[in-house]
C-alpha atoms as a PDB file:
ATOM      1  CA  MET A   1      98.428  90.744  75.423  1.00  0.00           C
ATOM      2  CA  GLN A   2      95.690  91.694  73.282  1.00  0.00           C
ATOM      3  CA  VAL A   3      93.061  94.773  74.102  1.00  0.00           C
ATOM      4  CA  ARG A   4      90.449  95.819  71.856  1.00  0.00           C
ATOM      5  CA  LEU A   5      88.691  98.637  72.639  1.00  0.00           C
ATOM      6  CA  GLU A   6      85.049 100.247  71.862  1.00  0.00           C
ATOM      7  CA  ASP A   7      85.816 102.208  68.285  1.00  0.00           C
ATOM      8  CA  GLY A   8      87.263  98.983  67.091  1.00  0.00           C
ATOM      9  CA  SER A   9      90.825  99.804  67.659  1.00  0.00           C
ATOM     10  CA  GLY A  10      93.263  97.504  69.088  1.00  0.00           C
ATOM     11  CA  GLY A  11      96.669  96.026  69.355  1.00  0.00           C
ATOM     12  CA  TRP A  12      99.045  93.756  71.125  1.00  0.00           C
ATOM     13  CA  ALA A  13     101.811  94.284  73.454  1.00  0.00           C
ATOM     14  CA  VAL A  14     104.462  91.402  74.271  1.00  0.00           C
ATOM     15  CA  PHE A  15     106.964  91.571  76.829  1.00  0.00           C
ATOM     16  CA  GLN A  16     109.517  89.288  78.897  1.00  0.00           C
ATOM     17  CA  GLU A  17     109.472  89.356  82.906  1.00  0.00           C
ATOM     18  CA  GLN A  18     112.709  88.799  84.550  1.00  0.00           C
ATOM     19  CA  LYS A  19     114.233  89.021  88.687  1.00  0.00           C
ATOM     20  CA  PHE A  20     115.713  91.581  89.006  1.00  0.00           C
ATOM     21  CA  ARG A  21     118.498  91.754  91.835  1.00  0.00           C
ATOM     22  CA  GLY A  22     116.655  88.758  92.948  1.00  0.00           C
ATOM     23  CA  LEU A  23     114.061  91.116  95.037  1.00  0.00           C
ATOM     24  CA  SER A  24     111.678  91.974  92.323  1.00  0.00           C
ATOM     25  CA  MET A  25     110.263  91.724  88.405  1.00  0.00           C
ATOM     26  CA  LEU A  26     111.520  93.681  85.886  1.00  0.00           C
ATOM     27  CA  LEU A  27     109.544  93.821  82.471  1.00  0.00           C
ATOM     28  CA  SER A  28     111.914  94.009  79.654  1.00  0.00           C
ATOM     29  CA  ARG A  29     112.115  93.684  76.062  1.00  0.00           C
ATOM     30  CA  LEU A  30     108.461  95.259  76.064  1.00  0.00           C
ATOM     31  CA  ILE A  31     106.867  95.658  71.998  1.00  0.00           C
ATOM     32  CA  LEU A  32     103.743  97.509  71.633  1.00  0.00           C
ATOM     33  CA  ILE A  33     101.686  97.257  68.439  1.00  0.00           C
ATOM     34  CA  THR A  34      98.714  98.897  67.088  1.00  0.00           C
ATOM     35  CA  GLU A  35      96.792  96.882  64.599  1.00  0.00           C
ATOM     36  CA  THR A  36      94.295  99.580  64.165  1.00  0.00           C
ATOM     37  CA  GLY A  37      93.681 103.102  65.478  1.00  0.00           C
ATOM     38  CA  ASP A  38      95.349 105.795  67.091  1.00  0.00           C
ATOM     39  CA  PRO A  39      98.715 104.359  68.363  1.00  0.00           C
ATOM     40  CA  ASN A  40      99.113 106.423  71.263  1.00  0.00           C
ATOM     41  CA  ARG A  41      95.323 105.811  72.684  1.00  0.00           C
ATOM     42  CA  VAL A  42      96.363 101.878  72.024  1.00  0.00           C
ATOM     43  CA  GLY A  43      99.360 102.215  73.928  1.00  0.00           C
ATOM     44  CA  ARG A  44      98.272 103.747  77.006  1.00  0.00           C
ATOM     45  CA  GLN A  45      95.393 101.129  76.592  1.00  0.00           C
ATOM     46  CA  LEU A  46      98.384  98.763  76.900  1.00  0.00           C
ATOM     47  CA  LEU A  47     100.463  99.556  78.922  1.00  0.00           C
ATOM     48  CA  ALA A  48      97.751 100.491  81.462  1.00  0.00           C
ATOM     49  CA  HIS A  49      95.965  97.110  81.252  1.00  0.00           C
ATOM     50  CA  LEU A  50      99.769  95.692  81.226  1.00  0.00           C
ATOM     51  CA  TYR A  51     100.269  97.377  85.076  1.00  0.00           C
ATOM     52  CA  ARG A  52      96.149  96.666  86.222  1.00  0.00           C
ATOM     53  CA  ARG A  53      97.795  92.861  85.800  1.00  0.00           C
ATOM     54  CA  PHE A  54     101.592  93.376  87.440  1.00  0.00           C
ATOM     55  CA  PRO A  55     101.156  96.298  89.707  1.00  0.00           C
ATOM     56  CA  ASP A  56     104.656  95.812  90.869  1.00  0.00           C
ATOM     57  CA  LEU A  57     106.590  95.601  87.905  1.00  0.00           C
ATOM     58  CA  ASP A  58     109.510  97.887  87.576  1.00  0.00           C
ATOM     59  CA  THR A  59     109.878  98.021  83.573  1.00  0.00           C
ATOM     60  CA  GLN A  60     112.992  99.580  81.662  1.00  0.00           C
ATOM     61  CA  VAL A  61     112.585  99.301  77.219  1.00  0.00           C
ATOM     62  CA  GLU A  62     115.390 100.071  75.536  1.00  0.00           C
ATOM     63  CA  ASN A  63     116.146 100.840  71.645  1.00  0.00           C
ATOM     64  CA  VAL A  64     112.605 103.701  71.287  1.00  0.00           C
ATOM     65  CA  ALA A  65     113.272 105.111  68.321  1.00  0.00           C
ATOM     66  CA  ASP A  66     112.607 108.870  68.249  1.00  0.00           C
ATOM     67  CA  GLY A  67     109.841 107.829  65.139  1.00  0.00           C
ATOM     68  CA  ASP A  68     107.878 105.156  67.314  1.00  0.00           C
ATOM     69  CA  PRO A  69     104.557 105.643  67.346  1.00  0.00           C
ATOM     70  CA  HIS A  70     103.978 104.204  70.586  1.00  0.00           C
ATOM     71  CA  LEU A  71     106.446 106.918  72.168  1.00  0.00           C
ATOM     72  CA  GLY A  72     104.054 109.312  73.136  1.00  0.00           C
ATOM     73  CA  ALA A  73     101.999 106.558  75.084  1.00  0.00           C
ATOM     74  CA  LEU A  74     104.661 105.326  77.044  1.00  0.00           C
ATOM     75  CA  HIS A  75     105.647 109.435  77.994  1.00  0.00           C
ATOM     76  CA  ALA A  76     101.873 109.867  78.951  1.00  0.00           C
ATOM     77  CA  MET A  77     102.417 106.849  81.305  1.00  0.00           C
ATOM     78  CA  GLY A  78     105.215 107.808  83.093  1.00  0.00           C
ATOM     79  CA  PHE A  79     108.178 106.209  81.143  1.00  0.00           C
ATOM     80  CA  PHE A  80     111.169 108.698  80.691  1.00  0.00           C
ATOM     81  CA  GLU A  81     114.843 108.819  78.630  1.00  0.00           C
ATOM     82  CA  SER A  82     117.699 108.184  81.127  1.00  0.00           C
ATOM     83  CA  PHE A  83     119.854 108.243  78.004  1.00  0.00           C
ATOM     84  CA  SER A  84     120.015 108.783  74.545  1.00  0.00           C
ATOM     85  CA  ARG A  85     121.959 106.513  71.811  1.00  0.00           C
ATOM     86  CA  ILE A  86     122.592 108.154  68.826  1.00  0.00           C
ATOM     87  CA  GLU A  87     121.465 105.672  66.368  1.00  0.00           C
ATOM     88  CA  MET A  88     117.941 105.866  67.902  1.00  0.00           C
ATOM     89  CA  HIS A  89     117.541 109.050  66.997  1.00  0.00           C
END
């Protein structure tokens, strides 16, 4: 999916849905890319659009590096770190 904001900022997201224990859908393999603008703002808009479209989607994201420009957007949208791998620091 893509977003274009009023100020010309924009980016896109790629994700995969899969069944989670046969009950609900789980979003995995989420990739956020900002083409122009602030990655935090674009990332928040991408995630907001995603959850407007799929409000009941459970999500887990793995292997996000400490320096990822979208890390602030993930935290702002309620994501939290449940464990950390040494190679991501």
